Amino acid sequence: LGIVIYFVFVQWVDLTGGPSGITGVPNLEAFGFTFKKDLHYYYL
């Protein structure tokens, strides 16, 4: 199962971005606060 899903992630380039992955994932926001820095994500 792990191998099949890995190959789906790598080969389905149009959906997953292939080996490069997905770019442009937006920052998280909560109650008007935007998680921009590593410190913010650390405390999340």
PDB file of all heavy atoms in Angstrom:
ATOM      1  N   LEU A   1       0.830  -1.202   0.000  1.00  0.00           N
ATOM      2  CA  LEU A   1       0.000   0.000   0.000  1.00  0.00           C
ATOM      3  C   LEU A   1       0.865   1.252   0.000  1.00  0.00           C
ATOM      4  O   LEU A   1       0.633   2.187  -0.767  1.00  0.00           O
ATOM      5  CB  LEU A   1      -0.918   0.005   1.218  1.00  0.00           C
ATOM      6  CG  LEU A   1      -1.657   1.306   1.473  1.00  0.00           C
ATOM      7  CD1 LEU A   1      -2.750   1.498   0.446  1.00  0.00           C
ATOM      8  CD2 LEU A   1      -2.206   1.336   2.874  1.00  0.00           C
ATOM      9  N   GLY A   2       1.889   1.260   0.852  1.00  0.00           N
ATOM     10  CA  GLY A   2       2.787   2.415   0.906  1.00  0.00           C
ATOM     11  C   GLY A   2       3.490   2.657  -0.412  1.00  0.00           C
ATOM     12  O   GLY A   2       3.635   3.807  -0.851  1.00  0.00           O
ATOM     13  N   ILE A   3       3.921   1.597  -1.056  1.00  0.00           N
ATOM     14  CA  ILE A   3       4.618   1.730  -2.344  1.00  0.00           C
ATOM     15  C   ILE A   3       3.669   2.246  -3.419  1.00  0.00           C
ATOM     16  O   ILE A   3       4.019   3.131  -4.204  1.00  0.00           O
ATOM     17  CB  ILE A   3       5.256   0.389  -2.748  1.00  0.00           C
ATOM     18  CG1 ILE A   3       6.414   0.060  -1.802  1.00  0.00           C
ATOM     19  CG2 ILE A   3       5.731   0.411  -4.193  1.00  0.00           C
ATOM     20  CD1 ILE A   3       6.974  -1.338  -1.946  1.00  0.00           C
ATOM     21  N   VAL A   4       2.448   1.706  -3.471  1.00  0.00           N
ATOM     22  CA  VAL A   4       1.469   2.149  -4.476  1.00  0.00           C
ATOM     23  C   VAL A   4       1.151   3.629  -4.293  1.00  0.00           C
ATOM     24  O   VAL A   4       1.145   4.409  -5.262  1.00  0.00           O
ATOM     25  CB  VAL A   4       0.188   1.287  -4.395  1.00  0.00           C
ATOM     26  CG1 VAL A   4      -0.944   1.915  -5.190  1.00  0.00           C
ATOM     27  CG2 VAL A   4       0.464  -0.120  -4.890  1.00  0.00           C
ATOM     28  N   ILE A   5       0.899   4.045  -3.071  1.00  0.00           N
ATOM     29  CA  ILE A   5       0.556   5.450  -2.828  1.00  0.00           C
ATOM     30  C   ILE A   5       1.738   6.354  -3.147  1.00  0.00           C
ATOM     31  O   ILE A   5       1.573   7.433  -3.713  1.00  0.00           O
ATOM     32  CB  ILE A   5       0.041   5.632  -1.386  1.00  0.00           C
ATOM     33  CG1 ILE A   5      -1.337   4.972  -1.290  1.00  0.00           C
ATOM     34  CG2 ILE A   5      -0.035   7.101  -1.002  1.00  0.00           C
ATOM     35  CD1 ILE A   5      -1.967   4.998   0.063  1.00  0.00           C
ATOM     36  N   TYR A   6       2.953   5.908  -2.827  1.00  0.00           N
ATOM     37  CA  TYR A   6       4.148   6.689  -3.178  1.00  0.00           C
ATOM     38  C   TYR A   6       4.230   6.911  -4.691  1.00  0.00           C
ATOM     39  O   TYR A   6       4.463   8.023  -5.153  1.00  0.00           O
ATOM     40  CB  TYR A   6       5.412   5.980  -2.675  1.00  0.00           C
ATOM     41  CG  TYR A   6       6.680   6.545  -3.254  1.00  0.00           C
ATOM     42  CD1 TYR A   6       7.196   7.752  -2.794  1.00  0.00           C
ATOM     43  CD2 TYR A   6       7.347   5.897  -4.292  1.00  0.00           C
ATOM     44  CE1 TYR A   6       8.347   8.287  -3.332  1.00  0.00           C
ATOM     45  CE2 TYR A   6       8.497   6.414  -4.838  1.00  0.00           C
ATOM     46  CZ  TYR A   6       8.999   7.618  -4.358  1.00  0.00           C
ATOM     47  OH  TYR A   6      10.131   8.142  -4.903  1.00  0.00           O
ATOM     48  N   PHE A   7       4.019   5.856  -5.463  1.00  0.00           N
ATOM     49  CA  PHE A   7       4.097   5.990  -6.913  1.00  0.00           C
ATOM     50  C   PHE A   7       2.968   6.867  -7.462  1.00  0.00           C
ATOM     51  O   PHE A   7       3.161   7.587  -8.435  1.00  0.00           O
ATOM     52  CB  PHE A   7       4.133   4.620  -7.601  1.00  0.00           C
ATOM     53  CG  PHE A   7       5.493   4.012  -7.592  1.00  0.00           C
ATOM     54  CD1 PHE A   7       5.730   2.846  -6.888  1.00  0.00           C
ATOM     55  CD2 PHE A   7       6.549   4.602  -8.258  1.00  0.00           C
ATOM     56  CE1 PHE A   7       6.992   2.281  -6.860  1.00  0.00           C
ATOM     57  CE2 PHE A   7       7.811   4.049  -8.236  1.00  0.00           C
ATOM     58  CZ  PHE A   7       8.042   2.886  -7.526  1.00  0.00           C
ATOM     59  N   VAL A   8       1.812   6.830  -6.847  1.00  0.00           N
ATOM     60  CA  VAL A   8       0.724   7.723  -7.256  1.00  0.00           C
ATOM     61  C   VAL A   8       1.141   9.174  -7.021  1.00  0.00           C
ATOM     62  O   VAL A   8       0.956  10.039  -7.881  1.00  0.00           O
ATOM     63  CB  VAL A   8      -0.590   7.397  -6.505  1.00  0.00           C
ATOM     64  CG1 VAL A   8      -1.620   8.498  -6.710  1.00  0.00           C
ATOM     65  CG2 VAL A   8      -1.142   6.057  -6.958  1.00  0.00           C
ATOM     66  N   PHE A   9       1.737   9.453  -5.864  1.00  0.00           N
ATOM     67  CA  PHE A   9       2.186  10.815  -5.558  1.00  0.00           C
ATOM     68  C   PHE A   9       3.231  11.292  -6.562  1.00  0.00           C
ATOM     69  O   PHE A   9       3.203  12.437  -7.003  1.00  0.00           O
ATOM     70  CB  PHE A   9       2.797  10.897  -4.158  1.00  0.00           C
ATOM     71  CG  PHE A   9       1.814  10.747  -3.028  1.00  0.00           C
ATOM     72  CD1 PHE A   9       2.244  10.344  -1.788  1.00  0.00           C
ATOM     73  CD2 PHE A   9       0.459  10.998  -3.203  1.00  0.00           C
ATOM     74  CE1 PHE A   9       1.362  10.204  -0.724  1.00  0.00           C
ATOM     75  CE2 PHE A   9      -0.437  10.853  -2.164  1.00  0.00           C
ATOM     76  CZ  PHE A   9       0.019  10.452  -0.920  1.00  0.00           C
ATOM     77  N   VAL A  10       4.148  10.419  -6.920  1.00  0.00           N
ATOM     78  CA  VAL A  10       5.242  10.813  -7.816  1.00  0.00           C
ATOM     79  C   VAL A  10       4.797  10.891  -9.271  1.00  0.00           C
ATOM     80  O   VAL A  10       5.202  11.798  -9.999  1.00  0.00           O
ATOM     81  CB  VAL A  10       6.434   9.829  -7.663  1.00  0.00           C
ATOM     82  CG1 VAL A  10       7.487  10.084  -8.720  1.00  0.00           C
ATOM     83  CG2 VAL A  10       7.036   9.952  -6.276  1.00  0.00           C
ATOM     84  N   GLN A  11       3.928   9.978  -9.705  1.00  0.00           N
ATOM     85  CA  GLN A  11       3.574   9.904 -11.120  1.00  0.00           C
ATOM     86  C   GLN A  11       2.413  10.803 -11.535  1.00  0.00           C
ATOM     87  O   GLN A  11       2.323  11.184 -12.697  1.00  0.00           O
ATOM     88  CB  GLN A  11       3.246   8.447 -11.498  1.00  0.00           C
ATOM     89  CG  GLN A  11       4.399   7.502 -11.324  1.00  0.00           C
ATOM     90  CD  GLN A  11       5.574   7.842 -12.225  1.00  0.00           C
ATOM     91  OE1 GLN A  11       5.411   8.266 -13.369  1.00  0.00           O
ATOM     92  NE2 GLN A  11       6.779   7.673 -11.706  1.00  0.00           N
ATOM     93  N   TRP A  12       1.534  11.148 -10.623  1.00  0.00           N
ATOM     94  CA  TRP A  12       0.377  11.968 -10.980  1.00  0.00           C
ATOM     95  C   TRP A  12       0.781  13.440 -10.879  1.00  0.00           C
ATOM     96  O   TRP A  12       0.314  14.193 -10.039  1.00  0.00           O
ATOM     97  CB  TRP A  12      -0.791  11.658 -10.063  1.00  0.00           C
ATOM     98  CG  TRP A  12      -2.120  12.056 -10.608  1.00  0.00           C
ATOM     99  CD1 TRP A  12      -2.395  12.796 -11.710  1.00  0.00           C
ATOM    100  CD2 TRP A  12      -3.393  11.721 -10.034  1.00  0.00           C
ATOM    101  NE1 TRP A  12      -3.737  12.945 -11.876  1.00  0.00           N
ATOM    102  CE2 TRP A  12      -4.376  12.296 -10.862  1.00  0.00           C
ATOM    103  CE3 TRP A  12      -3.780  10.998  -8.918  1.00  0.00           C
ATOM    104  CZ2 TRP A  12      -5.736  12.174 -10.587  1.00  0.00           C
ATOM    105  CZ3 TRP A  12      -5.121  10.880  -8.650  1.00  0.00           C
ATOM    106  CH2 TRP A  12      -6.080  11.455  -9.474  1.00  0.00           C
ATOM    107  N   VAL A  13       1.623  13.858 -11.800  1.00  0.00           N
ATOM    108  CA  VAL A  13       2.265  15.169 -11.768  1.00  0.00           C
ATOM    109  C   VAL A  13       1.248  16.302 -11.827  1.00  0.00           C
ATOM    110  O   VAL A  13       1.394  17.318 -11.133  1.00  0.00           O
ATOM    111  CB  VAL A  13       3.294  15.293 -12.917  1.00  0.00           C
ATOM    112  CG1 VAL A  13       3.922  16.675 -12.951  1.00  0.00           C
ATOM    113  CG2 VAL A  13       4.358  14.223 -12.776  1.00  0.00           C
ATOM    114  N   ASP A  14       0.200  16.159 -12.635  1.00  0.00           N
ATOM    115  CA  ASP A  14      -0.789  17.237 -12.767  1.00  0.00           C
ATOM    116  C   ASP A  14      -1.483  17.541 -11.443  1.00  0.00           C
ATOM    117  O   ASP A  14      -1.825  18.691 -11.167  1.00  0.00           O
ATOM    118  CB  ASP A  14      -1.852  16.865 -13.810  1.00  0.00           C
ATOM    119  CG  ASP A  14      -1.275  16.776 -15.207  1.00  0.00           C
ATOM    120  OD1 ASP A  14      -0.212  17.387 -15.443  1.00  0.00           O
ATOM    121  OD2 ASP A  14      -1.879  16.095 -16.053  1.00  0.00           O
ATOM    122  N   LEU A  15      -1.694  16.541 -10.619  1.00  0.00           N
ATOM    123  CA  LEU A  15      -2.395  16.739  -9.356  1.00  0.00           C
ATOM    124  C   LEU A  15      -1.447  16.981  -8.184  1.00  0.00           C
ATOM    125  O   LEU A  15      -1.665  17.873  -7.371  1.00  0.00           O
ATOM    126  CB  LEU A  15      -3.290  15.527  -9.057  1.00  0.00           C
ATOM    127  CG  LEU A  15      -4.198  15.653  -7.847  1.00  0.00           C
ATOM    128  CD1 LEU A  15      -5.236  16.757  -8.067  1.00  0.00           C
ATOM    129  CD2 LEU A  15      -4.881  14.337  -7.562  1.00  0.00           C
ATOM    130  N   THR A  16      -0.370  16.192  -8.105  1.00  0.00           N
ATOM    131  CA  THR A  16       0.504  16.234  -6.932  1.00  0.00           C
ATOM    132  C   THR A  16       1.790  17.020  -7.135  1.00  0.00           C
ATOM    133  O   THR A  16       2.531  17.234  -6.182  1.00  0.00           O
ATOM    134  CB  THR A  16       0.896  14.809  -6.506  1.00  0.00           C
ATOM    135  OG1 THR A  16       1.686  14.228  -7.547  1.00  0.00           O
ATOM    136  CG2 THR A  16      -0.318  13.962  -6.219  1.00  0.00           C
ATOM    137  N   GLY A  17       2.084  17.423  -8.352  1.00  0.00           N
ATOM    138  CA  GLY A  17       3.336  18.117  -8.620  1.00  0.00           C
ATOM    139  C   GLY A  17       4.511  17.170  -8.797  1.00  0.00           C
ATOM    140  O   GLY A  17       5.641  17.607  -8.964  1.00  0.00           O
ATOM    141  N   GLY A  18       4.244  15.875  -8.740  1.00  0.00           N
ATOM    142  CA  GLY A  18       5.304  14.882  -8.931  1.00  0.00           C
ATOM    143  C   GLY A  18       6.360  14.958  -7.844  1.00  0.00           C
ATOM    144  O   GLY A  18       6.059  15.287  -6.690  1.00  0.00           O
ATOM    145  N   PRO A  19       7.614  14.694  -8.204  1.00  0.00           N
ATOM    146  CA  PRO A  19       8.686  14.705  -7.202  1.00  0.00           C
ATOM    147  C   PRO A  19       8.917  16.087  -6.575  1.00  0.00           C
ATOM    148  O   PRO A  19       9.435  16.196  -5.479  1.00  0.00           O
ATOM    149  CB  PRO A  19       9.925  14.265  -7.986  1.00  0.00           C
ATOM    150  CG  PRO A  19       9.404  13.590  -9.196  1.00  0.00           C
ATOM    151  CD  PRO A  19       8.080  14.219  -9.501  1.00  0.00           C
ATOM    152  N   SER A  20       8.518  17.142  -7.270  1.00  0.00           N
ATOM    153  CA  SER A  20       8.716  18.502  -6.749  1.00  0.00           C
ATOM    154  C   SER A  20       7.685  18.873  -5.691  1.00  0.00           C
ATOM    155  O   SER A  20       7.877  19.818  -4.939  1.00  0.00           O
ATOM    156  CB  SER A  20       8.645  19.521  -7.889  1.00  0.00           C
ATOM    157  OG  SER A  20       9.657  19.260  -8.823  1.00  0.00           O
ATOM    158  N   GLY A  21       6.566  18.170  -5.667  1.00  0.00           N
ATOM    159  CA  GLY A  21       5.526  18.462  -4.682  1.00  0.00           C
ATOM    160  C   GLY A  21       4.628  19.603  -5.106  1.00  0.00           C
ATOM    161  O   GLY A  21       4.667  20.077  -6.239  1.00  0.00           O
ATOM    162  N   ILE A  22       3.826  20.071  -4.171  1.00  0.00           N
ATOM    163  CA  ILE A  22       2.848  21.126  -4.436  1.00  0.00           C
ATOM    164  C   ILE A  22       3.393  22.443  -3.914  1.00  0.00           C
ATOM    165  O   ILE A  22       3.812  22.547  -2.755  1.00  0.00           O
ATOM    166  CB  ILE A  22       1.501  20.790  -3.764  1.00  0.00           C
ATOM    167  CG1 ILE A  22       0.939  19.503  -4.369  1.00  0.00           C
ATOM    168  CG2 ILE A  22       0.513  21.934  -3.924  1.00  0.00           C
ATOM    169  CD1 ILE A  22      -0.301  18.986  -3.682  1.00  0.00           C
ATOM    170  N   THR A  23       3.384  23.448  -4.762  1.00  0.00           N
ATOM    171  CA  THR A  23       3.838  24.777  -4.350  1.00  0.00           C
ATOM    172  C   THR A  23       2.645  25.700  -4.173  1.00  0.00           C
ATOM    173  O   THR A  23       1.554  25.430  -4.680  1.00  0.00           O
ATOM    174  CB  THR A  23       4.791  25.383  -5.401  1.00  0.00           C
ATOM    175  OG1 THR A  23       4.096  25.454  -6.656  1.00  0.00           O
ATOM    176  CG2 THR A  23       6.042  24.540  -5.552  1.00  0.00           C
ATOM    177  N   GLY A  24       2.856  26.777  -3.465  1.00  0.00           N
ATOM    178  CA  GLY A  24       1.809  27.773  -3.288  1.00  0.00           C
ATOM    179  C   GLY A  24       0.788  27.452  -2.223  1.00  0.00           C
ATOM    180  O   GLY A  24      -0.308  28.005  -2.227  1.00  0.00           O
ATOM    181  N   VAL A  25       1.121  26.550  -1.303  1.00  0.00           N
ATOM    182  CA  VAL A  25       0.196  26.234  -0.211  1.00  0.00           C
ATOM    183  C   VAL A  25       0.110  27.468   0.689  1.00  0.00           C
ATOM    184  O   VAL A  25       1.140  27.971   1.150  1.00  0.00           O
ATOM    185  CB  VAL A  25       0.678  25.001   0.590  1.00  0.00           C
ATOM    186  CG1 VAL A  25      -0.249  24.723   1.756  1.00  0.00           C
ATOM    187  CG2 VAL A  25       0.775  23.794  -0.322  1.00  0.00           C
ATOM    188  N   PRO A  26      -1.088  27.981   0.929  1.00  0.00           N
ATOM    189  CA  PRO A  26      -1.203  29.225   1.700  1.00  0.00           C
ATOM    190  C   PRO A  26      -0.881  29.019   3.180  1.00  0.00           C
ATOM    191  O   PRO A  26      -0.994  27.915   3.715  1.00  0.00           O
ATOM    192  CB  PRO A  26      -2.669  29.618   1.518  1.00  0.00           C
ATOM    193  CG  PRO A  26      -3.375  28.342   1.227  1.00  0.00           C
ATOM    194  CD  PRO A  26      -2.389  27.479   0.492  1.00  0.00           C
ATOM    195  N   ASN A  27      -0.489  30.120   3.821  1.00  0.00           N
ATOM    196  CA  ASN A  27      -0.240  30.082   5.263  1.00  0.00           C
ATOM    197  C   ASN A  27      -1.555  29.895   5.999  1.00  0.00           C
ATOM    198  O   ASN A  27      -2.611  30.322   5.536  1.00  0.00           O
ATOM    199  CB  ASN A  27       0.402  31.391   5.724  1.00  0.00           C
ATOM    200  CG  ASN A  27       1.824  31.540   5.247  1.00  0.00           C
ATOM    201  OD1 ASN A  27       2.564  30.580   5.172  1.00  0.00           O
ATOM    202  ND2 ASN A  27       2.216  32.752   4.916  1.00  0.00           N
ATOM    203  N   LEU A  28      -1.467  29.267   7.148  1.00  0.00           N
ATOM    204  CA  LEU A  28      -2.648  29.101   7.989  1.00  0.00           C
ATOM    205  C   LEU A  28      -3.035  30.442   8.608  1.00  0.00           C
ATOM    206  O   LEU A  28      -2.175  31.263   8.898  1.00  0.00           O
ATOM    207  CB  LEU A  28      -2.371  28.096   9.105  1.00  0.00           C
ATOM    208  CG  LEU A  28      -2.206  26.647   8.694  1.00  0.00           C
ATOM    209  CD1 LEU A  28      -1.799  25.812   9.895  1.00  0.00           C
ATOM    210  CD2 LEU A  28      -3.491  26.103   8.110  1.00  0.00           C
ATOM    211  N   GLU A  29      -4.323  30.624   8.816  1.00  0.00           N
ATOM    212  CA  GLU A  29      -4.832  31.811   9.498  1.00  0.00           C
ATOM    213  C   GLU A  29      -5.837  31.367  10.539  1.00  0.00           C
ATOM    214  O   GLU A  29      -6.622  30.450  10.301  1.00  0.00           O
ATOM    215  CB  GLU A  29      -5.506  32.757   8.509  1.00  0.00           C
ATOM    216  CG  GLU A  29      -4.565  33.383   7.509  1.00  0.00           C
ATOM    217  CD  GLU A  29      -5.274  34.343   6.557  1.00  0.00           C
ATOM    218  OE1 GLU A  29      -6.437  34.708   6.830  1.00  0.00           O
ATOM    219  OE2 GLU A  29      -4.667  34.711   5.553  1.00  0.00           O
ATOM    220  N   ALA A  30      -5.806  32.032  11.700  1.00  0.00           N
ATOM    221  CA  ALA A  30      -6.759  31.728  12.762  1.00  0.00           C
ATOM    222  C   ALA A  30      -7.058  33.006  13.534  1.00  0.00           C
ATOM    223  O   ALA A  30      -6.138  33.657  14.038  1.00  0.00           O
ATOM    224  CB  ALA A  30      -6.207  30.663  13.698  1.00  0.00           C
ATOM    225  N   PHE A  31      -8.315  33.369  13.595  1.00  0.00           N
ATOM    226  CA  PHE A  31      -8.771  34.535  14.346  1.00  0.00           C
ATOM    227  C   PHE A  31      -8.014  35.803  13.945  1.00  0.00           C
ATOM    228  O   PHE A  31      -7.610  36.600  14.789  1.00  0.00           O
ATOM    229  CB  PHE A  31      -8.652  34.291  15.857  1.00  0.00           C
ATOM    230  CG  PHE A  31      -9.318  33.023  16.306  1.00  0.00           C
ATOM    231  CD1 PHE A  31      -8.565  31.934  16.713  1.00  0.00           C
ATOM    232  CD2 PHE A  31     -10.701  32.909  16.290  1.00  0.00           C
ATOM    233  CE1 PHE A  31      -9.176  30.760  17.116  1.00  0.00           C
ATOM    234  CE2 PHE A  31     -11.321  31.732  16.689  1.00  0.00           C
ATOM    235  CZ  PHE A  31     -10.562  30.659  17.103  1.00  0.00           C
ATOM    236  N   GLY A  32      -7.782  35.964  12.660  1.00  0.00           N
ATOM    237  CA  GLY A  32      -7.101  37.136  12.145  1.00  0.00           C
ATOM    238  C   GLY A  32      -5.584  37.076  12.239  1.00  0.00           C
ATOM    239  O   GLY A  32      -4.894  37.998  11.826  1.00  0.00           O
ATOM    240  N   PHE A  33      -5.048  36.003  12.802  1.00  0.00           N
ATOM    241  CA  PHE A  33      -3.596  35.835  12.923  1.00  0.00           C
ATOM    242  C   PHE A  33      -3.107  34.918  11.819  1.00  0.00           C
ATOM    243  O   PHE A  33      -3.660  33.846  11.607  1.00  0.00           O
ATOM    244  CB  PHE A  33      -3.242  35.250  14.293  1.00  0.00           C
ATOM    245  CG  PHE A  33      -1.776  35.013  14.486  1.00  0.00           C
ATOM    246  CD1 PHE A  33      -0.923  36.057  14.769  1.00  0.00           C
ATOM    247  CD2 PHE A  33      -1.242  33.734  14.358  1.00  0.00           C
ATOM    248  CE1 PHE A  33       0.437  35.842  14.945  1.00  0.00           C
ATOM    249  CE2 PHE A  33       0.106  33.512  14.534  1.00  0.00           C
ATOM    250  CZ  PHE A  33       0.955  34.569  14.822  1.00  0.00           C
ATOM    251  N   THR A  34      -2.060  35.342  11.109  1.00  0.00           N
ATOM    252  CA  THR A  34      -1.486  34.534  10.038  1.00  0.00           C
ATOM    253  C   THR A  34      -0.186  33.896  10.522  1.00  0.00           C
ATOM    254  O   THR A  34       0.697  34.586  11.031  1.00  0.00           O
ATOM    255  CB  THR A  34      -1.204  35.405   8.798  1.00  0.00           C
ATOM    256  OG1 THR A  34      -2.415  36.037   8.395  1.00  0.00           O
ATOM    257  CG2 THR A  34      -0.668  34.573   7.653  1.00  0.00           C
ATOM    258  N   PHE A  35      -0.096  32.593  10.353  1.00  0.00           N
ATOM    259  CA  PHE A  35       1.116  31.864  10.706  1.00  0.00           C
ATOM    260  C   PHE A  35       2.116  32.047   9.575  1.00  0.00           C
ATOM    261  O   PHE A  35       1.971  31.450   8.513  1.00  0.00           O
ATOM    262  CB  PHE A  35       0.816  30.373  10.905  1.00  0.00           C
ATOM    263  CG  PHE A  35      -0.044  30.074  12.089  1.00  0.00           C
ATOM    264  CD1 PHE A  35      -1.427  30.171  12.012  1.00  0.00           C
ATOM    265  CD2 PHE A  35       0.525  29.712  13.289  1.00  0.00           C
ATOM    266  CE1 PHE A  35      -2.227  29.903  13.102  1.00  0.00           C
ATOM    267  CE2 PHE A  35      -0.254  29.435  14.401  1.00  0.00           C
ATOM    268  CZ  PHE A  35      -1.642  29.539  14.303  1.00  0.00           C
ATOM    269  N   LYS A  36       3.120  32.897   9.794  1.00  0.00           N
ATOM    270  CA  LYS A  36       4.092  33.189   8.747  1.00  0.00           C
ATOM    271  C   LYS A  36       5.490  32.680   9.077  1.00  0.00           C
ATOM    272  O   LYS A  36       6.233  32.287   8.207  1.00  0.00           O
ATOM    273  CB  LYS A  36       4.179  34.700   8.513  1.00  0.00           C
ATOM    274  CG  LYS A  36       2.944  35.304   7.909  1.00  0.00           C
ATOM    275  CD  LYS A  36       3.133  36.779   7.707  1.00  0.00           C
ATOM    276  CE  LYS A  36       1.858  37.405   7.173  1.00  0.00           C
ATOM    277  NZ  LYS A  36       1.964  38.848   7.062  1.00  0.00           N
ATOM    278  N   LYS A  37       5.847  32.725  10.344  1.00  0.00           N
ATOM    279  CA  LYS A  37       7.212  32.392  10.747  1.00  0.00           C
ATOM    280  C   LYS A  37       7.283  30.967  11.294  1.00  0.00           C
ATOM    281  O   LYS A  37       6.289  30.384  11.717  1.00  0.00           O
ATOM    282  CB  LYS A  37       7.681  33.365  11.827  1.00  0.00           C
ATOM    283  CG  LYS A  37       7.719  34.796  11.376  1.00  0.00           C
ATOM    284  CD  LYS A  37       8.180  35.677  12.512  1.00  0.00           C
ATOM    285  CE  LYS A  37       8.210  37.131  12.070  1.00  0.00           C
ATOM    286  NZ  LYS A  37       8.601  38.009  13.173  1.00  0.00           N
ATOM    287  N   ASP A  38       8.505  30.447  11.301  1.00  0.00           N
ATOM    288  CA  ASP A  38       8.725  29.115  11.873  1.00  0.00           C
ATOM    289  C   ASP A  38       8.310  29.074  13.339  1.00  0.00           C
ATOM    290  O   ASP A  38       7.785  28.064  13.806  1.00  0.00           O
ATOM    291  CB  ASP A  38      10.194  28.706  11.737  1.00  0.00           C
ATOM    292  CG  ASP A  38      10.565  28.352  10.311  1.00  0.00           C
ATOM    293  OD1 ASP A  38       9.655  28.050   9.515  1.00  0.00           O
ATOM    294  OD2 ASP A  38      11.770  28.366   9.984  1.00  0.00           O
ATOM    295  N   LEU A  39       8.539  30.163  14.054  1.00  0.00           N
ATOM    296  CA  LEU A  39       8.166  30.215  15.469  1.00  0.00           C
ATOM    297  C   LEU A  39       6.662  30.034  15.648  1.00  0.00           C
ATOM    298  O   LEU A  39       6.215  29.351  16.571  1.00  0.00           O
ATOM    299  CB  LEU A  39       8.609  31.539  16.093  1.00  0.00           C
ATOM    300  CG  LEU A  39       8.363  31.691  17.588  1.00  0.00           C
ATOM    301  CD1 LEU A  39       9.195  30.670  18.368  1.00  0.00           C
ATOM    302  CD2 LEU A  39       8.691  33.103  18.035  1.00  0.00           C
ATOM    303  N   HIS A  40       5.880  30.618  14.743  1.00  0.00           N
ATOM    304  CA  HIS A  40       4.417  30.462  14.801  1.00  0.00           C
ATOM    305  C   HIS A  40       4.017  29.006  14.609  1.00  0.00           C
ATOM    306  O   HIS A  40       3.173  28.481  15.342  1.00  0.00           O
ATOM    307  CB  HIS A  40       3.738  31.315  13.728  1.00  0.00           C
ATOM    308  CG  HIS A  40       4.033  32.773  13.839  1.00  0.00           C
ATOM    309  ND1 HIS A  40       3.919  33.618  12.766  1.00  0.00           N
ATOM    310  CD2 HIS A  40       4.429  33.541  14.882  1.00  0.00           C
ATOM    311  CE1 HIS A  40       4.237  34.842  13.142  1.00  0.00           C
ATOM    312  NE2 HIS A  40       4.558  34.821  14.429  1.00  0.00           N
ATOM    313  N   TYR A  41       4.611  28.361  13.612  1.00  0.00           N
ATOM    314  CA  TYR A  41       4.278  26.962  13.352  1.00  0.00           C
ATOM    315  C   TYR A  41       4.788  26.051  14.463  1.00  0.00           C
ATOM    316  O   TYR A  41       4.169  25.037  14.771  1.00  0.00           O
ATOM    317  CB  TYR A  41       4.825  26.514  11.989  1.00  0.00           C
ATOM    318  CG  TYR A  41       3.969  27.020  10.851  1.00  0.00           C
ATOM    319  CD1 TYR A  41       4.380  28.069  10.047  1.00  0.00           C
ATOM    320  CD2 TYR A  41       2.728  26.449  10.592  1.00  0.00           C
ATOM    321  CE1 TYR A  41       3.591  28.542   9.020  1.00  0.00           C
ATOM    322  CE2 TYR A  41       1.930  26.907   9.561  1.00  0.00           C
ATOM    323  CZ  TYR A  41       2.363  27.954   8.777  1.00  0.00           C
ATOM    324  OH  TYR A  41       1.570  28.417   7.774  1.00  0.00           O
ATOM    325  N   TYR A  42       5.911  26.415  15.066  1.00  0.00           N
ATOM    326  CA  TYR A  42       6.429  25.638  16.193  1.00  0.00           C
ATOM    327  C   TYR A  42       5.400  25.605  17.319  1.00  0.00           C
ATOM    328  O   TYR A  42       5.095  24.544  17.863  1.00  0.00           O
ATOM    329  CB  TYR A  42       7.748  26.243  16.688  1.00  0.00           C
ATOM    330  CG  TYR A  42       8.267  25.566  17.942  1.00  0.00           C
ATOM    331  CD1 TYR A  42       9.057  24.437  17.849  1.00  0.00           C
ATOM    332  CD2 TYR A  42       7.942  26.055  19.204  1.00  0.00           C
ATOM    333  CE1 TYR A  42       9.520  23.800  18.986  1.00  0.00           C
ATOM    334  CE2 TYR A  42       8.400  25.421  20.347  1.00  0.00           C
ATOM    335  CZ  TYR A  42       9.184  24.302  20.239  1.00  0.00           C
ATOM    336  OH  TYR A  42       9.624  23.669  21.364  1.00  0.00           O
ATOM    337  N   TYR A  43       4.858  26.780  17.648  1.00  0.00           N
ATOM    338  CA  TYR A  43       3.887  26.852  18.739  1.00  0.00           C
ATOM    339  C   TYR A  43       2.497  26.365  18.326  1.00  0.00           C
ATOM    340  O   TYR A  43       1.599  26.308  19.148  1.00  0.00           O
ATOM    341  CB  TYR A  43       3.819  28.265  19.309  1.00  0.00           C
ATOM    342  CG  TYR A  43       4.968  28.554  20.247  1.00  0.00           C
ATOM    343  CD1 TYR A  43       5.856  29.585  19.983  1.00  0.00           C
ATOM    344  CD2 TYR A  43       5.173  27.784  21.382  1.00  0.00           C
ATOM    345  CE1 TYR A  43       6.913  29.840  20.840  1.00  0.00           C
ATOM    346  CE2 TYR A  43       6.230  28.033  22.234  1.00  0.00           C
ATOM    347  CZ  TYR A  43       7.091  29.061  21.965  1.00  0.00           C
ATOM    348  OH  TYR A  43       8.129  29.302  22.813  1.00  0.00           O
ATOM    349  N   LEU A  44       2.320  26.001  17.078  1.00  0.00           N
ATOM    350  CA  LEU A  44       1.098  25.323  16.646  1.00  0.00           C
ATOM    351  C   LEU A  44       1.280  23.809  16.715  1.00  0.00           C
ATOM    352  O   LEU A  44       0.429  23.090  17.255  1.00  0.00           O
ATOM    353  CB  LEU A  44       0.732  25.740  15.218  1.00  0.00           C
ATOM    354  CG  LEU A  44      -0.437  24.999  14.580  1.00  0.00           C
ATOM    355  CD1 LEU A  44      -1.741  25.348  15.296  1.00  0.00           C
ATOM    356  CD2 LEU A  44      -0.538  25.329  13.104  1.00  0.00           C
TER     357      LEU A  44
END
